[in-house]
Amino acid sequence: MTDTLAPAAVAAPGATRTAKRHAFRWAVDDAVTITWRNLTKMRRMPQLLVFATVQPVIFVLMFRYVFGGAINTGPIPYVDYLMPGIFAQTVTFGSLQTGVGLAEDLRTGLIERFRALPMARSAVLAGRTLADLVRNVFVVLLMVVVGFLVGWHLHTNALALVAGIGVLLAFAFALTWLFAIVGLATGDPETAQAASFPLLAPLVFASTAFVPLKSMPGWLQAFAAHQPVSVTVDAVRDLTVGGPTTHDVLISLAWSIGMVVVFAPLAVRRYRRAG
């Protein structure tokens, strides 16, 4: 009796590992499918990309030619100081589209249909955030071109610029998980957009994106110096203007990793209860 049961007992752990590998592969396949679905929607509605770039282009023109002359950035030309902030502002404001898109899917009942299918619970959220990451790649590259057109100069090299874009995209990916929670919690696109702005405004405008830290009141400097947008802007600015980069880059990546670790499980939990 014991000899008969022993092989099954030995084989059980291997079978469990195989099942886990299959489950992981299916989850990845499901996420890729949802990513492709969202990218196809963007391709069929190019106006989504057009409007995603109009606002940051307007910000570039306003700060470059209207406000730039009144802002003192020392030896660094203002346009060179400005563009890393514009890049961060672009991906930060763009991240709320994750919440808006999920809220729209929730309102139309698409989320309910997804949950009725034999697919990984995380696939819908992973697919949405990955699709928005691809969109951010396109938008950031376009803004780099716009920056060069308005006189932005790269003081380092192409490799440092690529590293800066990587830091930006990591931060953008982390933010999409936060706004996924907002979209799932509100369940309505207009409400999701309205609820996101009180989170976005302090992060973007109370940061070093557009003005030096020393120009702010002392009480605001404490917040602006350590919040994630400022840290990311400073990291990208170090990589494009020059100077010590390791500290700011590591802090920005730590913020990004920390936000994913915290917000991704919360978003998946909220997705399970949404509806």
C-alpha atoms as a PDB file:
ATOM      1  CA  MET A   1       0.000   0.000   0.000  1.00  0.00           C
ATOM      2  CA  THR A   2       2.768   2.395   0.983  1.00  0.00           C
ATOM      3  CA  ASP A   3       4.860   1.480  -2.077  1.00  0.00           C
ATOM      4  CA  THR A   4       1.863   2.081  -4.321  1.00  0.00           C
ATOM      5  CA  LEU A   5       1.217   5.582  -2.968  1.00  0.00           C
ATOM      6  CA  ALA A   6       4.850   6.720  -2.839  1.00  0.00           C
ATOM      7  CA  PRO A   7       5.347   7.496  -6.573  1.00  0.00           C
ATOM      8  CA  ALA A   8       2.207   9.648  -6.600  1.00  0.00           C
ATOM      9  CA  ALA A   9       3.420  11.546  -3.541  1.00  0.00           C
ATOM     10  CA  VAL A  10       6.798  12.169  -5.159  1.00  0.00           C
ATOM     11  CA  ALA A  11       5.263  13.268  -8.454  1.00  0.00           C
ATOM     12  CA  ALA A  12       2.835  15.707  -6.889  1.00  0.00           C
ATOM     13  CA  PRO A  13       5.313  18.621  -6.403  1.00  0.00           C
ATOM     14  CA  GLY A  14       6.441  18.352 -10.032  1.00  0.00           C
ATOM     15  CA  ALA A  15       2.855  18.351 -11.225  1.00  0.00           C
ATOM     16  CA  THR A  16       2.159  21.419  -9.092  1.00  0.00           C
ATOM     17  CA  ARG A  17       5.127  23.276 -10.589  1.00  0.00           C
ATOM     18  CA  THR A  18       3.982  22.365 -14.094  1.00  0.00           C
ATOM     19  CA  ALA A  19       0.477  23.606 -13.362  1.00  0.00           C
ATOM     20  CA  LYS A  20       1.898  26.895 -12.038  1.00  0.00           C
ATOM     21  CA  ARG A  21       4.011  27.319 -15.183  1.00  0.00           C
ATOM     22  CA  HIS A  22       0.965  26.713 -17.371  1.00  0.00           C
ATOM     23  CA  ALA A  23      -1.099  29.177 -15.324  1.00  0.00           C
ATOM     24  CA  PHE A  24       1.618  31.830 -15.627  1.00  0.00           C
ATOM     25  CA  ARG A  25       1.914  31.284 -19.389  1.00  0.00           C
ATOM     26  CA  TRP A  26      -1.859  31.553 -19.810  1.00  0.00           C
ATOM     27  CA  ALA A  27      -1.892  34.764 -17.776  1.00  0.00           C
ATOM     28  CA  VAL A  28       0.842  36.217 -19.998  1.00  0.00           C
ATOM     29  CA  ASP A  29      -1.035  35.152 -23.145  1.00  0.00           C
ATOM     30  CA  ASP A  30      -4.239  36.728 -21.834  1.00  0.00           C
ATOM     31  CA  ALA A  31      -2.416  39.979 -21.021  1.00  0.00           C
ATOM     32  CA  VAL A  32      -0.875  40.088 -24.500  1.00  0.00           C
ATOM     33  CA  THR A  33      -4.297  39.549 -26.066  1.00  0.00           C
ATOM     34  CA  ILE A  34      -5.845  42.408 -24.077  1.00  0.00           C
ATOM     35  CA  THR A  35      -2.853  44.614 -24.884  1.00  0.00           C
ATOM     36  CA  TRP A  36      -3.360  43.967 -28.574  1.00  0.00           C
ATOM     37  CA  ARG A  37      -7.065  44.711 -28.237  1.00  0.00           C
ATOM     38  CA  ASN A  38      -6.330  48.111 -26.684  1.00  0.00           C
ATOM     39  CA  LEU A  39      -3.632  48.923 -29.253  1.00  0.00           C
ATOM     40  CA  THR A  40      -6.030  48.030 -32.055  1.00  0.00           C
ATOM     41  CA  LYS A  41      -8.571  50.432 -30.562  1.00  0.00           C
ATOM     42  CA  MET A  42      -5.939  53.190 -30.533  1.00  0.00           C
ATOM     43  CA  ARG A  43      -5.019  52.448 -34.145  1.00  0.00           C
ATOM     44  CA  ARG A  44      -8.658  52.689 -35.205  1.00  0.00           C
ATOM     45  CA  MET A  45      -9.098  55.923 -33.244  1.00  0.00           C
ATOM     46  CA  PRO A  46      -5.966  57.956 -34.060  1.00  0.00           C
ATOM     47  CA  GLN A  47      -7.542  61.055 -32.549  1.00  0.00           C
ATOM     48  CA  LEU A  48      -6.708  59.559 -29.143  1.00  0.00           C
ATOM     49  CA  LEU A  49      -3.012  59.934 -29.919  1.00  0.00           C
ATOM     50  CA  VAL A  50      -3.486  63.322 -31.547  1.00  0.00           C
ATOM     51  CA  PHE A  51      -5.205  64.828 -28.513  1.00  0.00           C
ATOM     52  CA  ALA A  52      -2.665  63.167 -26.210  1.00  0.00           C
ATOM     53  CA  THR A  53       0.043  65.286 -27.861  1.00  0.00           C
ATOM     54  CA  VAL A  54      -1.813  68.569 -28.362  1.00  0.00           C
ATOM     55  CA  GLN A  55      -1.801  69.577 -24.688  1.00  0.00           C
ATOM     56  CA  PRO A  56       1.938  69.000 -24.071  1.00  0.00           C
ATOM     57  CA  VAL A  57       2.820  70.827 -27.299  1.00  0.00           C
ATOM     58  CA  ILE A  58       0.784  73.816 -26.068  1.00  0.00           C
ATOM     59  CA  PHE A  59       2.626  73.675 -22.733  1.00  0.00           C
ATOM     60  CA  VAL A  60       5.973  73.660 -24.553  1.00  0.00           C
ATOM     61  CA  LEU A  61       5.056  76.707 -26.626  1.00  0.00           C
ATOM     62  CA  MET A  62       3.617  78.618 -23.665  1.00  0.00           C
ATOM     63  CA  PHE A  63       6.502  78.031 -21.280  1.00  0.00           C
ATOM     64  CA  ARG A  64       9.158  78.338 -23.970  1.00  0.00           C
ATOM     65  CA  TYR A  65       7.972  81.589 -25.522  1.00  0.00           C
ATOM     66  CA  VAL A  66       5.599  83.205 -22.995  1.00  0.00           C
ATOM     67  CA  PHE A  67       6.811  82.380 -19.473  1.00  0.00           C
ATOM     68  CA  GLY A  68      10.364  81.275 -20.160  1.00  0.00           C
ATOM     69  CA  GLY A  69      11.831  84.767 -20.139  1.00  0.00           C
ATOM     70  CA  ALA A  70      10.583  85.392 -16.612  1.00  0.00           C
ATOM     71  CA  ILE A  71      12.012  82.209 -15.063  1.00  0.00           C
ATOM     72  CA  ASN A  72      15.631  82.206 -13.980  1.00  0.00           C
ATOM     73  CA  THR A  73      17.375  78.851 -14.246  1.00  0.00           C
ATOM     74  CA  GLY A  74      20.923  80.122 -13.876  1.00  0.00           C
ATOM     75  CA  PRO A  75      23.497  78.889 -16.389  1.00  0.00           C
ATOM     76  CA  ILE A  76      21.099  76.350 -17.904  1.00  0.00           C
ATOM     77  CA  PRO A  77      18.979  77.723 -20.789  1.00  0.00           C
ATOM     78  CA  TYR A  78      15.346  77.566 -19.780  1.00  0.00           C
ATOM     79  CA  VAL A  79      14.328  75.370 -22.719  1.00  0.00           C
ATOM     80  CA  ASP A  80      16.909  72.780 -21.632  1.00  0.00           C
ATOM     81  CA  TYR A  81      15.574  72.986 -18.083  1.00  0.00           C
ATOM     82  CA  LEU A  82      11.972  72.844 -19.278  1.00  0.00           C
ATOM     83  CA  MET A  83      11.866  69.815 -21.565  1.00  0.00           C
ATOM     84  CA  PRO A  84      12.494  67.108 -18.906  1.00  0.00           C
ATOM     85  CA  GLY A  85       9.605  68.651 -16.974  1.00  0.00           C
ATOM     86  CA  ILE A  86       7.414  68.587 -20.077  1.00  0.00           C
ATOM     87  CA  PHE A  87       8.247  64.916 -20.612  1.00  0.00           C
ATOM     88  CA  ALA A  88       7.245  64.079 -17.042  1.00  0.00           C
ATOM     89  CA  GLN A  89       4.124  66.225 -17.252  1.00  0.00           C
ATOM     90  CA  THR A  90       3.123  64.471 -20.473  1.00  0.00           C
ATOM     91  CA  VAL A  91       3.319  60.936 -19.078  1.00  0.00           C
ATOM     92  CA  THR A  92       1.755  61.981 -15.758  1.00  0.00           C
ATOM     93  CA  PHE A  93      -1.314  63.525 -17.352  1.00  0.00           C
ATOM     94  CA  GLY A  94      -1.423  60.711 -19.908  1.00  0.00           C
ATOM     95  CA  SER A  95      -1.595  58.083 -17.168  1.00  0.00           C
ATOM     96  CA  LEU A  96      -5.124  59.107 -16.217  1.00  0.00           C
ATOM     97  CA  GLN A  97      -6.287  57.646 -19.555  1.00  0.00           C
ATOM     98  CA  THR A  98      -5.821  54.219 -17.994  1.00  0.00           C
ATOM     99  CA  GLY A  99      -8.480  55.011 -15.412  1.00  0.00           C
ATOM    100  CA  VAL A 100     -10.753  56.655 -17.961  1.00  0.00           C
ATOM    101  CA  GLY A 101     -10.489  53.665 -20.300  1.00  0.00           C
ATOM    102  CA  LEU A 102     -11.214  51.143 -17.553  1.00  0.00           C
ATOM    103  CA  ALA A 103     -14.150  53.214 -16.327  1.00  0.00           C
ATOM    104  CA  GLU A 104     -15.541  53.235 -19.870  1.00  0.00           C
ATOM    105  CA  ASP A 105     -15.165  49.451 -20.145  1.00  0.00           C
ATOM    106  CA  LEU A 106     -16.866  49.087 -16.780  1.00  0.00           C
ATOM    107  CA  ARG A 107     -19.767  51.333 -17.761  1.00  0.00           C
ATOM    108  CA  THR A 108     -20.379  49.557 -21.074  1.00  0.00           C
ATOM    109  CA  GLY A 109     -20.363  46.122 -19.424  1.00  0.00           C
ATOM    110  CA  LEU A 110     -17.186  44.933 -21.150  1.00  0.00           C
ATOM    111  CA  ILE A 111     -15.518  44.223 -17.815  1.00  0.00           C
ATOM    112  CA  GLU A 112     -18.396  41.891 -16.908  1.00  0.00           C
ATOM    113  CA  ARG A 113     -17.913  39.977 -20.154  1.00  0.00           C
ATOM    114  CA  PHE A 114     -14.183  39.693 -19.494  1.00  0.00           C
ATOM    115  CA  ARG A 115     -14.824  38.362 -16.010  1.00  0.00           C
ATOM    116  CA  ALA A 116     -17.168  35.725 -17.406  1.00  0.00           C
ATOM    117  CA  LEU A 117     -14.368  34.364 -19.606  1.00  0.00           C
ATOM    118  CA  PRO A 118     -11.812  31.766 -18.453  1.00  0.00           C
ATOM    119  CA  MET A 119      -8.947  34.258 -18.301  1.00  0.00           C
ATOM    120  CA  ALA A 120      -6.525  35.560 -15.688  1.00  0.00           C
ATOM    121  CA  ARG A 121      -7.968  38.240 -13.430  1.00  0.00           C
ATOM    122  CA  SER A 122      -4.832  40.343 -13.850  1.00  0.00           C
ATOM    123  CA  ALA A 123      -4.891  40.202 -17.664  1.00  0.00           C
ATOM    124  CA  VAL A 124      -7.364  43.052 -18.203  1.00  0.00           C
ATOM    125  CA  LEU A 125      -5.374  45.449 -16.033  1.00  0.00           C
ATOM    126  CA  ALA A 126      -1.974  44.293 -17.268  1.00  0.00           C
ATOM    127  CA  GLY A 127      -3.138  44.559 -20.874  1.00  0.00           C
ATOM    128  CA  ARG A 128      -4.470  48.056 -20.335  1.00  0.00           C
ATOM    129  CA  THR A 129      -1.337  49.328 -18.588  1.00  0.00           C
ATOM    130  CA  LEU A 130       0.965  47.744 -21.183  1.00  0.00           C
ATOM    131  CA  ALA A 131      -1.021  49.288 -24.047  1.00  0.00           C
ATOM    132  CA  ASP A 132      -0.780  52.681 -22.368  1.00  0.00           C
ATOM    133  CA  LEU A 133       2.951  52.126 -21.938  1.00  0.00           C
ATOM    134  CA  VAL A 134       3.253  51.642 -25.713  1.00  0.00           C
ATOM    135  CA  ARG A 135       1.246  54.835 -26.221  1.00  0.00           C
ATOM    136  CA  ASN A 136       3.596  56.675 -23.885  1.00  0.00           C
ATOM    137  CA  VAL A 137       6.599  55.515 -25.917  1.00  0.00           C
ATOM    138  CA  PHE A 138       5.097  57.142 -29.001  1.00  0.00           C
ATOM    139  CA  VAL A 139       4.110  60.350 -27.186  1.00  0.00           C
ATOM    140  CA  VAL A 140       7.472  60.792 -25.441  1.00  0.00           C
ATOM    141  CA  LEU A 141       9.393  60.274 -28.680  1.00  0.00           C
ATOM    142  CA  LEU A 142       7.177  62.835 -30.380  1.00  0.00           C
ATOM    143  CA  MET A 143       7.805  65.318 -27.566  1.00  0.00           C
ATOM    144  CA  VAL A 144      11.555  64.762 -27.935  1.00  0.00           C
ATOM    145  CA  VAL A 145      11.223  65.826 -31.573  1.00  0.00           C
ATOM    146  CA  VAL A 146       9.137  68.860 -30.540  1.00  0.00           C
ATOM    147  CA  GLY A 147      11.803  69.761 -27.992  1.00  0.00           C
ATOM    148  CA  PHE A 148      14.532  69.770 -30.615  1.00  0.00           C
ATOM    149  CA  LEU A 149      12.343  71.914 -32.878  1.00  0.00           C
ATOM    150  CA  VAL A 150      11.988  74.629 -30.192  1.00  0.00           C
ATOM    151  CA  GLY A 151      15.709  74.741 -29.443  1.00  0.00           C
ATOM    152  CA  TRP A 152      16.264  72.061 -26.824  1.00  0.00           C
ATOM    153  CA  HIS A 153      19.861  70.827 -26.699  1.00  0.00           C
ATOM    154  CA  LEU A 154      21.091  67.517 -25.346  1.00  0.00           C
ATOM    155  CA  HIS A 155      24.147  68.241 -23.178  1.00  0.00           C
ATOM    156  CA  THR A 156      25.082  64.591 -22.641  1.00  0.00           C
ATOM    157  CA  ASN A 157      24.722  61.846 -25.264  1.00  0.00           C
ATOM    158  CA  ALA A 158      22.166  59.616 -26.957  1.00  0.00           C
ATOM    159  CA  LEU A 159      22.664  56.782 -24.458  1.00  0.00           C
ATOM    160  CA  ALA A 160      21.843  59.089 -21.552  1.00  0.00           C
ATOM    161  CA  LEU A 161      18.726  60.273 -23.408  1.00  0.00           C
ATOM    162  CA  VAL A 162      17.587  56.668 -23.878  1.00  0.00           C
ATOM    163  CA  ALA A 163      18.161  56.049 -20.165  1.00  0.00           C
ATOM    164  CA  GLY A 164      16.100  59.140 -19.356  1.00  0.00           C
ATOM    165  CA  ILE A 165      13.241  57.907 -21.524  1.00  0.00           C
ATOM    166  CA  GLY A 166      13.443  54.561 -19.735  1.00  0.00           C
ATOM    167  CA  VAL A 167      13.119  56.293 -16.346  1.00  0.00           C
ATOM    168  CA  LEU A 168      10.111  58.232 -17.642  1.00  0.00           C
ATOM    169  CA  LEU A 169       8.391  55.130 -18.987  1.00  0.00           C
ATOM    170  CA  ALA A 170       8.945  53.226 -15.734  1.00  0.00           C
ATOM    171  CA  PHE A 171       7.344  56.098 -13.847  1.00  0.00           C
ATOM    172  CA  ALA A 172       4.456  56.286 -16.325  1.00  0.00           C
ATOM    173  CA  PHE A 173       3.813  52.544 -16.013  1.00  0.00           C
ATOM    174  CA  ALA A 174       3.712  52.831 -12.216  1.00  0.00           C
ATOM    175  CA  LEU A 175       1.258  55.719 -12.334  1.00  0.00           C
ATOM    176  CA  THR A 176      -1.145  53.831 -14.589  1.00  0.00           C
ATOM    177  CA  TRP A 177      -1.763  51.342 -11.775  1.00  0.00           C
ATOM    178  CA  LEU A 178      -2.768  54.164  -9.441  1.00  0.00           C
ATOM    179  CA  PHE A 179      -5.241  55.587 -11.929  1.00  0.00           C
ATOM    180  CA  ALA A 180      -6.534  52.105 -12.733  1.00  0.00           C
ATOM    181  CA  ILE A 181      -7.780  52.057  -9.134  1.00  0.00           C
ATOM    182  CA  VAL A 182      -9.415  55.452  -9.630  1.00  0.00           C
ATOM    183  CA  GLY A 183     -11.163  54.315 -12.818  1.00  0.00           C
ATOM    184  CA  LEU A 184     -12.433  51.090 -11.302  1.00  0.00           C
ATOM    185  CA  ALA A 185     -13.582  52.861  -8.134  1.00  0.00           C
ATOM    186  CA  THR A 186     -15.594  55.518  -9.986  1.00  0.00           C
ATOM    187  CA  GLY A 187     -16.965  53.391 -12.848  1.00  0.00           C
ATOM    188  CA  ASP A 188     -17.633  56.446 -14.996  1.00  0.00           C
ATOM    189  CA  PRO A 189     -15.186  58.117 -17.444  1.00  0.00           C
ATOM    190  CA  GLU A 190     -16.159  61.700 -16.591  1.00  0.00           C
ATOM    191  CA  THR A 191     -16.004  61.030 -12.865  1.00  0.00           C
ATOM    192  CA  ALA A 192     -12.675  59.227 -13.219  1.00  0.00           C
ATOM    193  CA  GLN A 193     -11.201  62.213 -15.039  1.00  0.00           C
ATOM    194  CA  ALA A 194     -12.545  64.662 -12.466  1.00  0.00           C
ATOM    195  CA  ALA A 195     -11.326  62.527  -9.565  1.00  0.00           C
ATOM    196  CA  SER A 196      -7.849  62.223 -11.081  1.00  0.00           C
ATOM    197  CA  PHE A 197      -7.152  65.941 -11.374  1.00  0.00           C
ATOM    198  CA  PRO A 198      -6.798  66.614  -7.603  1.00  0.00           C
ATOM    199  CA  LEU A 199      -4.087  63.939  -7.595  1.00  0.00           C
ATOM    200  CA  LEU A 200      -2.369  65.153 -10.765  1.00  0.00           C
ATOM    201  CA  ALA A 201      -2.306  68.897 -10.140  1.00  0.00           C
ATOM    202  CA  PRO A 202      -0.158  68.923  -6.960  1.00  0.00           C
ATOM    203  CA  LEU A 203       2.203  66.311  -8.399  1.00  0.00           C
ATOM    204  CA  VAL A 204       2.824  68.206 -11.638  1.00  0.00           C
ATOM    205  CA  PHE A 205       2.616  71.863 -10.677  1.00  0.00           C
ATOM    206  CA  ALA A 206       4.092  71.624  -7.169  1.00  0.00           C
ATOM    207  CA  SER A 207       7.247  70.083  -8.581  1.00  0.00           C
ATOM    208  CA  THR A 208      10.507  71.052 -10.217  1.00  0.00           C
ATOM    209  CA  ALA A 209       9.030  70.419 -13.664  1.00  0.00           C
ATOM    210  CA  PHE A 210       8.730  74.081 -14.648  1.00  0.00           C
ATOM    211  CA  VAL A 211      10.519  76.178 -12.012  1.00  0.00           C
ATOM    212  CA  PRO A 212      13.574  75.670  -9.790  1.00  0.00           C
ATOM    213  CA  LEU A 213      12.977  74.414  -6.290  1.00  0.00           C
ATOM    214  CA  LYS A 214      14.575  77.490  -4.674  1.00  0.00           C
ATOM    215  CA  SER A 215      11.897  79.771  -6.185  1.00  0.00           C
ATOM    216  CA  MET A 216       9.160  78.113  -4.096  1.00  0.00           C
ATOM    217  CA  PRO A 217       8.150  79.003  -0.530  1.00  0.00           C
ATOM    218  CA  GLY A 218      10.041  77.066   2.109  1.00  0.00           C
ATOM    219  CA  TRP A 219       7.016  75.063   3.249  1.00  0.00           C
ATOM    220  CA  LEU A 220       6.373  73.921  -0.321  1.00  0.00           C
ATOM    221  CA  GLN A 221       9.996  73.019  -1.011  1.00  0.00           C
ATOM    222  CA  ALA A 222       9.822  70.179   1.511  1.00  0.00           C
ATOM    223  CA  PHE A 223       7.026  68.538  -0.466  1.00  0.00           C
ATOM    224  CA  ALA A 224       8.272  69.413  -3.951  1.00  0.00           C
ATOM    225  CA  ALA A 225      11.793  68.122  -3.344  1.00  0.00           C
ATOM    226  CA  HIS A 226      10.721  64.601  -2.427  1.00  0.00           C
ATOM    227  CA  GLN A 227       7.555  63.866  -4.365  1.00  0.00           C
ATOM    228  CA  PRO A 228       7.836  61.372  -7.263  1.00  0.00           C
ATOM    229  CA  VAL A 229       7.351  63.769 -10.186  1.00  0.00           C
ATOM    230  CA  SER A 230      10.154  66.060  -8.974  1.00  0.00           C
ATOM    231  CA  VAL A 231      12.467  63.125  -8.406  1.00  0.00           C
ATOM    232  CA  THR A 232      11.762  61.769 -11.884  1.00  0.00           C
ATOM    233  CA  VAL A 233      12.177  65.199 -13.497  1.00  0.00           C
ATOM    234  CA  ASP A 234      15.477  65.694 -11.701  1.00  0.00           C
ATOM    235  CA  ALA A 235      16.680  62.270 -12.834  1.00  0.00           C
ATOM    236  CA  VAL A 236      15.830  62.967 -16.474  1.00  0.00           C
ATOM    237  CA  ARG A 237      17.322  66.468 -16.202  1.00  0.00           C
ATOM    238  CA  ASP A 238      20.559  64.997 -14.841  1.00  0.00           C
ATOM    239  CA  LEU A 239      20.671  62.578 -17.770  1.00  0.00           C
ATOM    240  CA  THR A 240      20.038  65.236 -20.428  1.00  0.00           C
ATOM    241  CA  VAL A 241      21.705  68.342 -18.981  1.00  0.00           C
ATOM    242  CA  GLY A 242      24.533  66.643 -17.105  1.00  0.00           C
ATOM    243  CA  GLY A 243      25.667  66.209 -13.533  1.00  0.00           C
ATOM    244  CA  PRO A 244      25.524  63.423 -10.941  1.00  0.00           C
ATOM    245  CA  THR A 245      22.811  60.998 -11.997  1.00  0.00           C
ATOM    246  CA  THR A 246      22.963  57.883  -9.832  1.00  0.00           C
ATOM    247  CA  HIS A 247      21.127  59.174  -6.759  1.00  0.00           C
ATOM    248  CA  ASP A 248      18.148  60.740  -8.565  1.00  0.00           C
ATOM    249  CA  VAL A 249      17.804  57.835 -11.010  1.00  0.00           C
ATOM    250  CA  LEU A 250      17.795  55.255  -8.216  1.00  0.00           C
ATOM    251  CA  ILE A 251      15.283  57.247  -6.162  1.00  0.00           C
ATOM    252  CA  SER A 252      12.988  57.608  -9.185  1.00  0.00           C
ATOM    253  CA  LEU A 253      13.183  53.890  -9.939  1.00  0.00           C
ATOM    254  CA  ALA A 254      12.513  53.129  -6.273  1.00  0.00           C
ATOM    255  CA  TRP A 255       9.358  55.274  -6.445  1.00  0.00           C
ATOM    256  CA  SER A 256       8.250  53.480  -9.620  1.00  0.00           C
ATOM    257  CA  ILE A 257       8.864  50.000  -8.250  1.00  0.00           C
ATOM    258  CA  GLY A 258       7.222  50.881  -4.947  1.00  0.00           C
ATOM    259  CA  MET A 259       4.092  52.229  -6.648  1.00  0.00           C
ATOM    260  CA  VAL A 260       3.735  49.080  -8.763  1.00  0.00           C
ATOM    261  CA  VAL A 261       4.211  46.849  -5.713  1.00  0.00           C
ATOM    262  CA  VAL A 262       1.557  48.774  -3.781  1.00  0.00           C
ATOM    263  CA  PHE A 263      -0.983  49.766  -6.426  1.00  0.00           C
ATOM    264  CA  ALA A 264      -0.982  46.736  -8.764  1.00  0.00           C
ATOM    265  CA  PRO A 265      -2.357  44.283  -6.146  1.00  0.00           C
ATOM    266  CA  LEU A 266      -4.865  46.913  -4.987  1.00  0.00           C
ATOM    267  CA  ALA A 267      -6.005  47.432  -8.573  1.00  0.00           C
ATOM    268  CA  VAL A 268      -6.455  43.689  -9.132  1.00  0.00           C
ATOM    269  CA  ARG A 269      -8.432  43.431  -5.883  1.00  0.00           C
ATOM    270  CA  ARG A 270     -10.596  46.367  -6.927  1.00  0.00           C
ATOM    271  CA  TYR A 271     -11.133  44.758 -10.347  1.00  0.00           C
ATOM    272  CA  ARG A 272     -12.467  41.606  -8.702  1.00  0.00           C
ATOM    273  CA  ARG A 273     -15.054  43.668  -6.823  1.00  0.00           C
ATOM    274  CA  ALA A 274     -15.894  46.087  -9.646  1.00  0.00           C
ATOM    275  CA  GLY A 275     -19.267  46.010 -11.277  1.00  0.00           C
END
